[in-house]
Amino acid sequence: TYEFHFQNEFSNIKQALQELRGLFDLDNAEKDLELLDQKCENPLLWDDPSAAEKILKKRALCKNTVDQFYVHQASYNELKELYPLALEEADTSILTEIQENLLLLKSWFYQQMI
């Protein structure tokens, strides 16, 4: 049935989000990003262009990791909220759209884990 399939998919994606949070070491990545932001605010940083470039690259990588995680987590949350409404209305077009987006999320998770 639709319901069992979707509940299983949501459960698998929730687990993948938890695994990625650990894989990305998200809590430390957020702390690192905050420290890198503070370094970027220091006007003396710009006296050493080479050091500034390294910090900016590290900050961009860290920010991308954090942002990508939260974008995909928000997508998961939106789909999870939309699902009961689509099920209640028996709206197969929305259920199909949810399924397609769940596949995109799973694909992104898989890419991150390899």
C-alpha atoms as a PDB file:
ATOM      1  CA  THR A   1       0.000   0.000   0.000  1.00  0.00           C
ATOM      2  CA  TYR A   2       0.964   3.623  -0.450  1.00  0.00           C
ATOM      3  CA  GLU A   3       0.949   4.231   3.277  1.00  0.00           C
ATOM      4  CA  PHE A   4       3.379   1.469   4.201  1.00  0.00           C
ATOM      5  CA  HIS A   5       5.701   2.334   1.319  1.00  0.00           C
ATOM      6  CA  PHE A   6       5.846   6.030   2.192  1.00  0.00           C
ATOM      7  CA  GLN A   7       6.241   5.436   5.923  1.00  0.00           C
ATOM      8  CA  ASN A   8       9.144   3.125   5.160  1.00  0.00           C
ATOM      9  CA  GLU A   9      10.706   5.714   2.844  1.00  0.00           C
ATOM     10  CA  PHE A  10      10.354   8.471   5.439  1.00  0.00           C
ATOM     11  CA  SER A  11      11.866   6.233   8.096  1.00  0.00           C
ATOM     12  CA  ASN A  12      14.841   5.385   5.865  1.00  0.00           C
ATOM     13  CA  ILE A  13      15.450   9.031   5.017  1.00  0.00           C
ATOM     14  CA  LYS A  14      15.206  10.078   8.660  1.00  0.00           C
ATOM     15  CA  GLN A  15      17.850   7.485   9.479  1.00  0.00           C
ATOM     16  CA  ALA A  16      20.030   8.713   6.602  1.00  0.00           C
ATOM     17  CA  LEU A  17      19.752  12.283   7.900  1.00  0.00           C
ATOM     18  CA  GLN A  18      20.954  11.141  11.309  1.00  0.00           C
ATOM     19  CA  GLU A  19      23.849   9.252   9.733  1.00  0.00           C
ATOM     20  CA  LEU A  20      24.834  12.244   7.608  1.00  0.00           C
ATOM     21  CA  ARG A  21      24.689  14.542  10.629  1.00  0.00           C
ATOM     22  CA  GLY A  22      27.355  12.316  12.176  1.00  0.00           C
ATOM     23  CA  LEU A  23      29.295  11.832   8.944  1.00  0.00           C
ATOM     24  CA  PHE A  24      29.437  15.586   8.367  1.00  0.00           C
ATOM     25  CA  ASP A  25      30.183  16.117  12.081  1.00  0.00           C
ATOM     26  CA  LEU A  26      27.582  18.834  11.757  1.00  0.00           C
ATOM     27  CA  ASP A  27      27.776  20.149  15.317  1.00  0.00           C
ATOM     28  CA  ASN A  28      31.506  20.790  14.956  1.00  0.00           C
ATOM     29  CA  ALA A  29      31.067  22.084  11.409  1.00  0.00           C
ATOM     30  CA  GLU A  30      28.646  24.706  12.730  1.00  0.00           C
ATOM     31  CA  LYS A  31      31.105  25.691  15.456  1.00  0.00           C
ATOM     32  CA  ASP A  32      33.934  25.852  12.909  1.00  0.00           C
ATOM     33  CA  LEU A  33      31.811  28.044  10.664  1.00  0.00           C
ATOM     34  CA  GLU A  34      31.148  30.421  13.532  1.00  0.00           C
ATOM     35  CA  LEU A  35      34.887  30.645  14.308  1.00  0.00           C
ATOM     36  CA  LEU A  36      35.747  31.166  10.650  1.00  0.00           C
ATOM     37  CA  ASP A  37      33.153  33.934  10.433  1.00  0.00           C
ATOM     38  CA  GLN A  38      34.803  35.609  13.413  1.00  0.00           C
ATOM     39  CA  LYS A  39      38.217  35.339  11.734  1.00  0.00           C
ATOM     40  CA  CYS A  40      36.810  36.892   8.575  1.00  0.00           C
ATOM     41  CA  GLU A  41      35.573  39.856  10.607  1.00  0.00           C
ATOM     42  CA  ASN A  42      39.102  40.579  11.838  1.00  0.00           C
ATOM     43  CA  PRO A  43      40.502  43.406   9.680  1.00  0.00           C
ATOM     44  CA  LEU A  44      44.062  42.136  10.244  1.00  0.00           C
ATOM     45  CA  LEU A  45      43.261  38.953   8.350  1.00  0.00           C
ATOM     46  CA  TRP A  46      43.340  40.859   5.095  1.00  0.00           C
ATOM     47  CA  ASP A  47      46.971  41.895   5.728  1.00  0.00           C
ATOM     48  CA  ASP A  48      47.969  38.360   4.698  1.00  0.00           C
ATOM     49  CA  PRO A  49      46.185  37.558   1.429  1.00  0.00           C
ATOM     50  CA  SER A  50      47.398  33.946   1.415  1.00  0.00           C
ATOM     51  CA  ALA A  51      46.049  33.254   4.906  1.00  0.00           C
ATOM     52  CA  ALA A  52      42.826  35.084   4.053  1.00  0.00           C
ATOM     53  CA  GLU A  53      42.350  32.946   0.955  1.00  0.00           C
ATOM     54  CA  LYS A  54      42.831  29.729   2.942  1.00  0.00           C
ATOM     55  CA  ILE A  55      40.330  30.825   5.581  1.00  0.00           C
ATOM     56  CA  LEU A  56      37.787  31.887   2.947  1.00  0.00           C
ATOM     57  CA  LYS A  57      38.097  28.544   1.131  1.00  0.00           C
ATOM     58  CA  LYS A  58      37.718  26.615   4.375  1.00  0.00           C
ATOM     59  CA  ARG A  59      34.741  28.777   5.337  1.00  0.00           C
ATOM     60  CA  ALA A  60      33.062  28.236   1.942  1.00  0.00           C
ATOM     61  CA  LEU A  61      33.482  24.466   2.206  1.00  0.00           C
ATOM     62  CA  CYS A  62      32.183  24.397   5.769  1.00  0.00           C
ATOM     63  CA  LYS A  63      29.226  26.661   4.934  1.00  0.00           C
ATOM     64  CA  ASN A  64      28.332  24.547   1.917  1.00  0.00           C
ATOM     65  CA  THR A  65      28.309  21.379   4.036  1.00  0.00           C
ATOM     66  CA  VAL A  66      26.102  22.934   6.710  1.00  0.00           C
ATOM     67  CA  ASP A  67      23.767  24.623   4.218  1.00  0.00           C
ATOM     68  CA  GLN A  68      23.331  21.520   2.071  1.00  0.00           C
ATOM     69  CA  PHE A  69      22.436  19.421   5.080  1.00  0.00           C
ATOM     70  CA  TYR A  70      19.795  21.857   6.277  1.00  0.00           C
ATOM     71  CA  VAL A  71      18.328  22.369   2.790  1.00  0.00           C
ATOM     72  CA  HIS A  72      17.831  18.625   2.441  1.00  0.00           C
ATOM     73  CA  GLN A  73      16.521  18.276   5.987  1.00  0.00           C
ATOM     74  CA  ALA A  74      13.972  21.027   5.276  1.00  0.00           C
ATOM     75  CA  SER A  75      12.945  19.248   2.080  1.00  0.00           C
ATOM     76  CA  TYR A  76      12.401  16.036   4.045  1.00  0.00           C
ATOM     77  CA  ASN A  77      10.321  17.886   6.646  1.00  0.00           C
ATOM     78  CA  GLU A  78       8.165  19.533   3.966  1.00  0.00           C
ATOM     79  CA  LEU A  79       7.508  16.209   2.244  1.00  0.00           C
ATOM     80  CA  LYS A  80       6.675  14.546   5.554  1.00  0.00           C
ATOM     81  CA  GLU A  81       4.137  17.308   6.306  1.00  0.00           C
ATOM     82  CA  LEU A  82       2.642  17.206   2.818  1.00  0.00           C
ATOM     83  CA  TYR A  83       2.239  13.426   2.764  1.00  0.00           C
ATOM     84  CA  PRO A  84      -0.767  13.069   5.142  1.00  0.00           C
ATOM     85  CA  LEU A  85      -2.599  15.851   3.313  1.00  0.00           C
ATOM     86  CA  ALA A  86      -2.032  14.194  -0.051  1.00  0.00           C
ATOM     87  CA  LEU A  87      -3.071  10.838   1.387  1.00  0.00           C
ATOM     88  CA  GLU A  88      -6.218  12.290   2.923  1.00  0.00           C
ATOM     89  CA  GLU A  89      -7.171  13.898  -0.376  1.00  0.00           C
ATOM     90  CA  ALA A  90      -6.097  10.783  -2.298  1.00  0.00           C
ATOM     91  CA  ASP A  91      -4.200  13.129  -4.601  1.00  0.00           C
ATOM     92  CA  THR A  92      -2.079  10.811  -6.711  1.00  0.00           C
ATOM     93  CA  SER A  93      -0.308  13.682  -8.478  1.00  0.00           C
ATOM     94  CA  ILE A  94       1.010  15.002  -5.159  1.00  0.00           C
ATOM     95  CA  LEU A  95       1.837  11.500  -3.974  1.00  0.00           C
ATOM     96  CA  THR A  96       3.819  11.010  -7.190  1.00  0.00           C
ATOM     97  CA  GLU A  97       5.602  14.316  -6.640  1.00  0.00           C
ATOM     98  CA  ILE A  98       6.430  13.285  -3.064  1.00  0.00           C
ATOM     99  CA  GLN A  99       7.804   9.973  -4.338  1.00  0.00           C
ATOM    100  CA  GLU A 100       9.958  11.741  -6.929  1.00  0.00           C
ATOM    101  CA  ASN A 101      11.342  14.130  -4.322  1.00  0.00           C
ATOM    102  CA  LEU A 102      12.030  11.278  -1.928  1.00  0.00           C
ATOM    103  CA  LEU A 103      14.041   9.609  -4.689  1.00  0.00           C
ATOM    104  CA  LEU A 104      16.021  12.829  -5.182  1.00  0.00           C
ATOM    105  CA  LEU A 105      16.736  12.975  -1.454  1.00  0.00           C
ATOM    106  CA  LYS A 106      17.854   9.352  -1.415  1.00  0.00           C
ATOM    107  CA  SER A 107      20.108  10.007  -4.394  1.00  0.00           C
ATOM    108  CA  TRP A 108      21.713  12.978  -2.635  1.00  0.00           C
ATOM    109  CA  PHE A 109      22.234  10.920   0.537  1.00  0.00           C
ATOM    110  CA  TYR A 110      23.824   8.132  -1.446  1.00  0.00           C
ATOM    111  CA  GLN A 111      26.183  10.583  -3.166  1.00  0.00           C
ATOM    112  CA  GLN A 112      27.258  11.984   0.198  1.00  0.00           C
ATOM    113  CA  MET A 113      27.988   8.556   1.646  1.00  0.00           C
ATOM    114  CA  ILE A 114      30.245   7.305  -1.149  1.00  0.00           C
END
